[in-house]
Amino acid sequence: MRLDYNYIEDVYIKKGYAFFDGDKPYNLNIFGIRCATDTNFFDDLICVAYRDQNLESIVEIFQGTTDPGKHWLKHPMNTKGTAILVEGQYKSVYKIDKHRGKYDALCQRLGKVTVFRDNDKDSKHDLDPETEQSGYYGINIHKSNPYIKYVDRYSAGCQVFRLDSHFNRLMFLTFKSAEIYGNSFTYSLFNKSDFSL
């Protein structure tokens, strides 16, 4: 999969999404790539593209999941079904806040997101457009447990990093960005088919 800075910018533009670039550093483009569905593994990507303090273009790629784990598919928290984030761009929806009151993460506090609702309680991720709904659902960007292999309970629809060190790296960048642009972040979710293999 091709993930250099200029190509990522081209993909954003092709999709009609805002891409943050310019003459200041740390204007972050945070995005996920849904690589696989119907699994309970951390087999998607969570990435960030930006310019550093020298205005050099940087792309960082991390292992994660953009889908809920098997536990929550079989035991939905919502009576309408488990949330699965719909691919798209969510502008200025996220801010640095406490995930479940415990630690700093990117939390959905500033705007709505759109989700599919999977309510058949099997282990398959159902991306049915007829079940879409938009609202404030706490679809946060956070970390898991570094000692576990499967997603299971660590995502009920959130975008979740596999490794603490990767999550901590993103949060380091978000704090730098917030000092310049304020505590507001955009997240874009792509499908792997949006990128050349």
C-alpha atoms as a PDB file:
ATOM      1  CA  MET A   1       0.000   0.000   0.000  1.00  0.00           C
ATOM      2  CA  ARG A   2       1.406   3.362  -1.028  1.00  0.00           C
ATOM      3  CA  LEU A   3       1.464   5.825   1.880  1.00  0.00           C
ATOM      4  CA  ASP A   4       3.852   8.662   1.078  1.00  0.00           C
ATOM      5  CA  TYR A   5       2.851  12.211   2.026  1.00  0.00           C
ATOM      6  CA  ASN A   6       2.038  13.559  -1.446  1.00  0.00           C
ATOM      7  CA  TYR A   7       0.035  10.516  -2.417  1.00  0.00           C
ATOM      8  CA  ILE A   8      -1.963  10.692   0.819  1.00  0.00           C
ATOM      9  CA  GLU A   9      -2.738  14.326   0.049  1.00  0.00           C
ATOM     10  CA  ASP A  10      -3.925  13.298  -3.429  1.00  0.00           C
ATOM     11  CA  VAL A  11      -6.219  10.650  -1.945  1.00  0.00           C
ATOM     12  CA  TYR A  12      -7.716  13.183   0.465  1.00  0.00           C
ATOM     13  CA  ILE A  13      -8.361  15.614  -2.381  1.00  0.00           C
ATOM     14  CA  LYS A  14      -9.843  12.901  -4.596  1.00  0.00           C
ATOM     15  CA  LYS A  15     -12.282  12.020  -1.802  1.00  0.00           C
ATOM     16  CA  GLY A  16     -13.164  15.696  -1.334  1.00  0.00           C
ATOM     17  CA  TYR A  17     -11.667  15.787   2.175  1.00  0.00           C
ATOM     18  CA  ALA A  18      -9.780  18.673   3.737  1.00  0.00           C
ATOM     19  CA  PHE A  19      -6.016  18.057   3.902  1.00  0.00           C
ATOM     20  CA  PHE A  20      -4.078  20.243   6.345  1.00  0.00           C
ATOM     21  CA  ASP A  21      -0.793  21.544   4.982  1.00  0.00           C
ATOM     22  CA  GLY A  22       0.952  24.904   5.016  1.00  0.00           C
ATOM     23  CA  ASP A  23       3.735  26.980   6.432  1.00  0.00           C
ATOM     24  CA  LYS A  24       3.310  25.910  10.062  1.00  0.00           C
ATOM     25  CA  PRO A  25       4.297  22.574  11.627  1.00  0.00           C
ATOM     26  CA  TYR A  26       2.144  19.909  13.275  1.00  0.00           C
ATOM     27  CA  ASN A  27      -1.083  20.567  11.377  1.00  0.00           C
ATOM     28  CA  LEU A  28      -2.068  16.931  11.702  1.00  0.00           C
ATOM     29  CA  ASN A  29      -3.937  14.759   9.230  1.00  0.00           C
ATOM     30  CA  ILE A  30      -5.053  11.846  11.416  1.00  0.00           C
ATOM     31  CA  PHE A  31      -6.621   8.982   9.514  1.00  0.00           C
ATOM     32  CA  GLY A  32      -7.511   5.327   9.686  1.00  0.00           C
ATOM     33  CA  ILE A  33      -7.446   2.725   6.939  1.00  0.00           C
ATOM     34  CA  ARG A  34      -9.901  -0.127   7.226  1.00  0.00           C
ATOM     35  CA  CYS A  35      -7.918  -3.047   5.817  1.00  0.00           C
ATOM     36  CA  ALA A  36      -9.993  -6.014   6.921  1.00  0.00           C
ATOM     37  CA  THR A  37     -13.432  -6.735   8.340  1.00  0.00           C
ATOM     38  CA  ASP A  38     -14.979  -9.738  10.061  1.00  0.00           C
ATOM     39  CA  THR A  39     -11.918 -10.291  12.208  1.00  0.00           C
ATOM     40  CA  ASN A  40     -11.052  -9.820  15.864  1.00  0.00           C
ATOM     41  CA  PHE A  41      -7.461  -8.716  15.188  1.00  0.00           C
ATOM     42  CA  PHE A  42      -5.662  -5.382  15.119  1.00  0.00           C
ATOM     43  CA  ASP A  43      -5.292  -5.563  11.351  1.00  0.00           C
ATOM     44  CA  ASP A  44      -6.152  -1.988  10.331  1.00  0.00           C
ATOM     45  CA  LEU A  45      -3.956   1.113  10.259  1.00  0.00           C
ATOM     46  CA  ILE A  46      -4.136   4.381  12.145  1.00  0.00           C
ATOM     47  CA  CYS A  47      -1.856   7.013  10.624  1.00  0.00           C
ATOM     48  CA  VAL A  48      -0.822  10.637  10.761  1.00  0.00           C
ATOM     49  CA  ALA A  49       0.626  12.856   8.020  1.00  0.00           C
ATOM     50  CA  TYR A  50       2.075  16.266   8.881  1.00  0.00           C
ATOM     51  CA  ARG A  51       5.011  18.616   8.566  1.00  0.00           C
ATOM     52  CA  ASP A  52       7.549  18.669  11.393  1.00  0.00           C
ATOM     53  CA  GLN A  53       9.305  21.673  12.954  1.00  0.00           C
ATOM     54  CA  ASN A  54      11.508  21.960   9.850  1.00  0.00           C
ATOM     55  CA  LEU A  55       8.421  21.692   7.604  1.00  0.00           C
ATOM     56  CA  GLU A  56       9.604  18.320   6.337  1.00  0.00           C
ATOM     57  CA  SER A  57       6.738  16.026   5.336  1.00  0.00           C
ATOM     58  CA  ILE A  58       6.252  13.068   7.683  1.00  0.00           C
ATOM     59  CA  VAL A  59       3.982  10.013   7.604  1.00  0.00           C
ATOM     60  CA  GLU A  60       3.704   7.717  10.623  1.00  0.00           C
ATOM     61  CA  ILE A  61       1.807   4.424  10.422  1.00  0.00           C
ATOM     62  CA  PHE A  62       0.528   2.424  13.386  1.00  0.00           C
ATOM     63  CA  GLN A  63      -1.229  -0.900  13.935  1.00  0.00           C
ATOM     64  CA  GLY A  64      -4.775  -0.735  15.238  1.00  0.00           C
ATOM     65  CA  THR A  65      -8.418  -1.499  14.606  1.00  0.00           C
ATOM     66  CA  THR A  66     -11.185   0.620  13.113  1.00  0.00           C
ATOM     67  CA  ASP A  67     -13.857  -1.962  13.976  1.00  0.00           C
ATOM     68  CA  PRO A  68     -15.453  -3.260  17.180  1.00  0.00           C
ATOM     69  CA  GLY A  69     -14.238  -6.465  18.760  1.00  0.00           C
ATOM     70  CA  LYS A  70     -16.114  -9.754  18.795  1.00  0.00           C
ATOM     71  CA  HIS A  71     -17.286  -9.330  22.386  1.00  0.00           C
ATOM     72  CA  TRP A  72     -19.296  -6.193  21.645  1.00  0.00           C
ATOM     73  CA  LEU A  73     -20.678  -7.586  18.386  1.00  0.00           C
ATOM     74  CA  LYS A  74     -22.245 -10.386  20.422  1.00  0.00           C
ATOM     75  CA  HIS A  75     -23.162  -8.178  23.393  1.00  0.00           C
ATOM     76  CA  PRO A  76     -24.138  -4.736  22.006  1.00  0.00           C
ATOM     77  CA  MET A  77     -24.032  -1.825  24.438  1.00  0.00           C
ATOM     78  CA  ASN A  78     -26.790  -0.062  22.472  1.00  0.00           C
ATOM     79  CA  THR A  79     -30.216  -1.592  21.912  1.00  0.00           C
ATOM     80  CA  LYS A  80     -29.945  -0.686  18.202  1.00  0.00           C
ATOM     81  CA  GLY A  81     -26.702  -2.607  17.828  1.00  0.00           C
ATOM     82  CA  THR A  82     -22.935  -2.220  17.987  1.00  0.00           C
ATOM     83  CA  ALA A  83     -21.477   0.925  16.391  1.00  0.00           C
ATOM     84  CA  ILE A  84     -19.169   0.603  13.375  1.00  0.00           C
ATOM     85  CA  LEU A  85     -17.764   3.923  12.183  1.00  0.00           C
ATOM     86  CA  VAL A  86     -18.764   4.792   8.618  1.00  0.00           C
ATOM     87  CA  GLU A  87     -15.853   5.718   6.350  1.00  0.00           C
ATOM     88  CA  GLY A  88     -15.650   9.474   5.869  1.00  0.00           C
ATOM     89  CA  GLN A  89     -14.123  12.663   7.245  1.00  0.00           C
ATOM     90  CA  TYR A  90     -15.156  13.976  10.641  1.00  0.00           C
ATOM     91  CA  LYS A  91     -14.005  17.593  10.757  1.00  0.00           C
ATOM     92  CA  SER A  92     -13.176  19.192  14.094  1.00  0.00           C
ATOM     93  CA  VAL A  93     -15.012  16.444  15.976  1.00  0.00           C
ATOM     94  CA  TYR A  94     -12.210  15.310  18.297  1.00  0.00           C
ATOM     95  CA  LYS A  95     -10.415  16.909  21.230  1.00  0.00           C
ATOM     96  CA  ILE A  96      -7.863  15.833  23.803  1.00  0.00           C
ATOM     97  CA  ASP A  97      -9.868  14.688  26.809  1.00  0.00           C
ATOM     98  CA  LYS A  98     -10.055  11.791  29.248  1.00  0.00           C
ATOM     99  CA  HIS A  99     -11.110   8.477  27.725  1.00  0.00           C
ATOM    100  CA  ARG A 100     -13.583   6.975  30.216  1.00  0.00           C
ATOM    101  CA  GLY A 101     -12.216   9.499  32.716  1.00  0.00           C
ATOM    102  CA  LYS A 102      -8.885   7.652  32.877  1.00  0.00           C
ATOM    103  CA  TYR A 103      -6.236   8.961  30.470  1.00  0.00           C
ATOM    104  CA  ASP A 104      -5.719  11.516  27.696  1.00  0.00           C
ATOM    105  CA  ALA A 105      -6.991  10.362  24.314  1.00  0.00           C
ATOM    106  CA  LEU A 106      -8.735  11.851  21.289  1.00  0.00           C
ATOM    107  CA  CYS A 107     -12.379  11.913  22.278  1.00  0.00           C
ATOM    108  CA  GLN A 108     -15.485  12.572  20.212  1.00  0.00           C
ATOM    109  CA  ARG A 109     -16.711  15.661  22.052  1.00  0.00           C
ATOM    110  CA  LEU A 110     -17.059  18.391  19.416  1.00  0.00           C
ATOM    111  CA  GLY A 111     -19.383  16.952  16.786  1.00  0.00           C
ATOM    112  CA  LYS A 112     -21.343  14.021  15.434  1.00  0.00           C
ATOM    113  CA  VAL A 113     -20.070  10.915  13.692  1.00  0.00           C
ATOM    114  CA  THR A 114     -21.987   8.430  11.543  1.00  0.00           C
ATOM    115  CA  VAL A 115     -22.087   4.744  12.412  1.00  0.00           C
ATOM    116  CA  PHE A 116     -23.608   1.538  11.149  1.00  0.00           C
ATOM    117  CA  ARG A 117     -25.589  -0.417  13.768  1.00  0.00           C
ATOM    118  CA  ASP A 118     -24.866  -4.147  13.773  1.00  0.00           C
ATOM    119  CA  ASN A 119     -27.545  -5.898  15.825  1.00  0.00           C
ATOM    120  CA  ASP A 120     -27.593  -9.546  14.735  1.00  0.00           C
ATOM    121  CA  LYS A 121     -25.146 -10.584  17.484  1.00  0.00           C
ATOM    122  CA  ASP A 122     -22.856 -12.670  15.298  1.00  0.00           C
ATOM    123  CA  SER A 123     -19.126 -12.124  14.768  1.00  0.00           C
ATOM    124  CA  LYS A 124     -19.504 -10.553  11.323  1.00  0.00           C
ATOM    125  CA  HIS A 125     -19.234  -6.774  10.869  1.00  0.00           C
ATOM    126  CA  ASP A 126     -22.397  -5.711   9.047  1.00  0.00           C
ATOM    127  CA  LEU A 127     -21.922  -2.436   7.149  1.00  0.00           C
ATOM    128  CA  ASP A 128     -25.568  -1.923   6.199  1.00  0.00           C
ATOM    129  CA  PRO A 129     -26.340   1.641   4.984  1.00  0.00           C
ATOM    130  CA  GLU A 130     -29.943   1.207   6.133  1.00  0.00           C
ATOM    131  CA  THR A 131     -28.751   1.102   9.754  1.00  0.00           C
ATOM    132  CA  GLU A 132     -26.728   4.354   9.607  1.00  0.00           C
ATOM    133  CA  GLN A 133     -27.270   6.957  12.293  1.00  0.00           C
ATOM    134  CA  SER A 134     -25.386  10.094  13.324  1.00  0.00           C
ATOM    135  CA  GLY A 135     -24.790  11.400  16.809  1.00  0.00           C
ATOM    136  CA  TYR A 136     -22.520  11.611  19.839  1.00  0.00           C
ATOM    137  CA  TYR A 137     -21.540   8.004  20.554  1.00  0.00           C
ATOM    138  CA  GLY A 138     -18.133   8.273  22.215  1.00  0.00           C
ATOM    139  CA  ILE A 139     -16.283   6.897  19.186  1.00  0.00           C
ATOM    140  CA  ASN A 140     -12.885   7.773  20.650  1.00  0.00           C
ATOM    141  CA  ILE A 141      -9.318   7.169  19.483  1.00  0.00           C
ATOM    142  CA  HIS A 142      -7.538   5.370  22.293  1.00  0.00           C
ATOM    143  CA  LYS A 143      -5.200   2.516  23.238  1.00  0.00           C
ATOM    144  CA  SER A 144      -5.733  -1.132  24.117  1.00  0.00           C
ATOM    145  CA  ASN A 145      -3.808  -3.446  26.398  1.00  0.00           C
ATOM    146  CA  PRO A 146      -0.294  -4.190  25.070  1.00  0.00           C
ATOM    147  CA  TYR A 147      -0.480  -7.757  26.364  1.00  0.00           C
ATOM    148  CA  ILE A 148      -3.536  -8.866  24.421  1.00  0.00           C
ATOM    149  CA  LYS A 149      -3.722 -10.291  20.906  1.00  0.00           C
ATOM    150  CA  TYR A 150      -7.412  -9.899  20.107  1.00  0.00           C
ATOM    151  CA  VAL A 151      -9.618  -6.802  20.017  1.00  0.00           C
ATOM    152  CA  ASP A 152     -12.486  -8.375  22.027  1.00  0.00           C
ATOM    153  CA  ARG A 153     -13.585  -5.821  24.665  1.00  0.00           C
ATOM    154  CA  TYR A 154     -11.067  -3.119  23.685  1.00  0.00           C
ATOM    155  CA  SER A 155     -13.277  -1.601  21.002  1.00  0.00           C
ATOM    156  CA  ALA A 156     -17.038  -1.151  21.030  1.00  0.00           C
ATOM    157  CA  GLY A 157     -16.672   0.947  17.874  1.00  0.00           C
ATOM    158  CA  CYS A 158     -13.692   3.150  18.773  1.00  0.00           C
ATOM    159  CA  GLN A 159     -10.496   3.511  16.750  1.00  0.00           C
ATOM    160  CA  VAL A 160      -7.963   1.658  18.878  1.00  0.00           C
ATOM    161  CA  PHE A 161      -4.155   1.415  18.829  1.00  0.00           C
ATOM    162  CA  ARG A 162      -2.537  -1.967  19.356  1.00  0.00           C
ATOM    163  CA  LEU A 163       0.586  -0.652  21.134  1.00  0.00           C
ATOM    164  CA  ASP A 164       0.950   1.917  23.902  1.00  0.00           C
ATOM    165  CA  SER A 165       4.107   3.343  22.341  1.00  0.00           C
ATOM    166  CA  HIS A 166       2.290   4.090  19.072  1.00  0.00           C
ATOM    167  CA  PHE A 167      -0.652   5.673  20.868  1.00  0.00           C
ATOM    168  CA  ASN A 168       1.700   7.750  23.022  1.00  0.00           C
ATOM    169  CA  ARG A 169       3.458   8.977  19.892  1.00  0.00           C
ATOM    170  CA  LEU A 170       0.191  10.218  18.405  1.00  0.00           C
ATOM    171  CA  MET A 171      -0.746  11.946  21.656  1.00  0.00           C
ATOM    172  CA  PHE A 172       2.662  13.649  21.776  1.00  0.00           C
ATOM    173  CA  LEU A 173       1.943  15.061  18.316  1.00  0.00           C
ATOM    174  CA  THR A 174      -1.597  16.117  19.219  1.00  0.00           C
ATOM    175  CA  PHE A 175      -0.367  18.114  22.213  1.00  0.00           C
ATOM    176  CA  LYS A 176       2.142  19.892  19.972  1.00  0.00           C
ATOM    177  CA  SER A 177      -0.603  20.596  17.455  1.00  0.00           C
ATOM    178  CA  ALA A 178      -3.016  21.871  20.107  1.00  0.00           C
ATOM    179  CA  GLU A 179      -0.485  24.492  21.223  1.00  0.00           C
ATOM    180  CA  ILE A 180      -0.583  25.997  17.721  1.00  0.00           C
ATOM    181  CA  TYR A 181      -4.099  25.368  16.402  1.00  0.00           C
ATOM    182  CA  GLY A 182      -6.180  24.666  19.498  1.00  0.00           C
ATOM    183  CA  ASN A 183      -7.718  21.532  20.923  1.00  0.00           C
ATOM    184  CA  SER A 184      -9.729  20.406  17.897  1.00  0.00           C
ATOM    185  CA  PHE A 185      -8.867  17.548  15.542  1.00  0.00           C
ATOM    186  CA  THR A 186     -10.238  15.996  12.375  1.00  0.00           C
ATOM    187  CA  TYR A 187     -10.278  12.250  11.790  1.00  0.00           C
ATOM    188  CA  SER A 188     -10.741  10.631   8.389  1.00  0.00           C
ATOM    189  CA  LEU A 189     -11.519   6.965   7.877  1.00  0.00           C
ATOM    190  CA  PHE A 190     -10.617   5.371   4.542  1.00  0.00           C
ATOM    191  CA  ASN A 191     -10.907   1.931   3.038  1.00  0.00           C
ATOM    192  CA  LYS A 192      -7.773   0.211   1.786  1.00  0.00           C
ATOM    193  CA  SER A 193      -9.285   0.344  -1.710  1.00  0.00           C
ATOM    194  CA  ASP A 194      -8.800   4.132  -1.637  1.00  0.00           C
ATOM    195  CA  PHE A 195      -5.033   3.567  -1.822  1.00  0.00           C
ATOM    196  CA  SER A 196      -2.912   1.881  -4.474  1.00  0.00           C
ATOM    197  CA  LEU A 197      -1.601  -1.531  -3.501  1.00  0.00           C
END
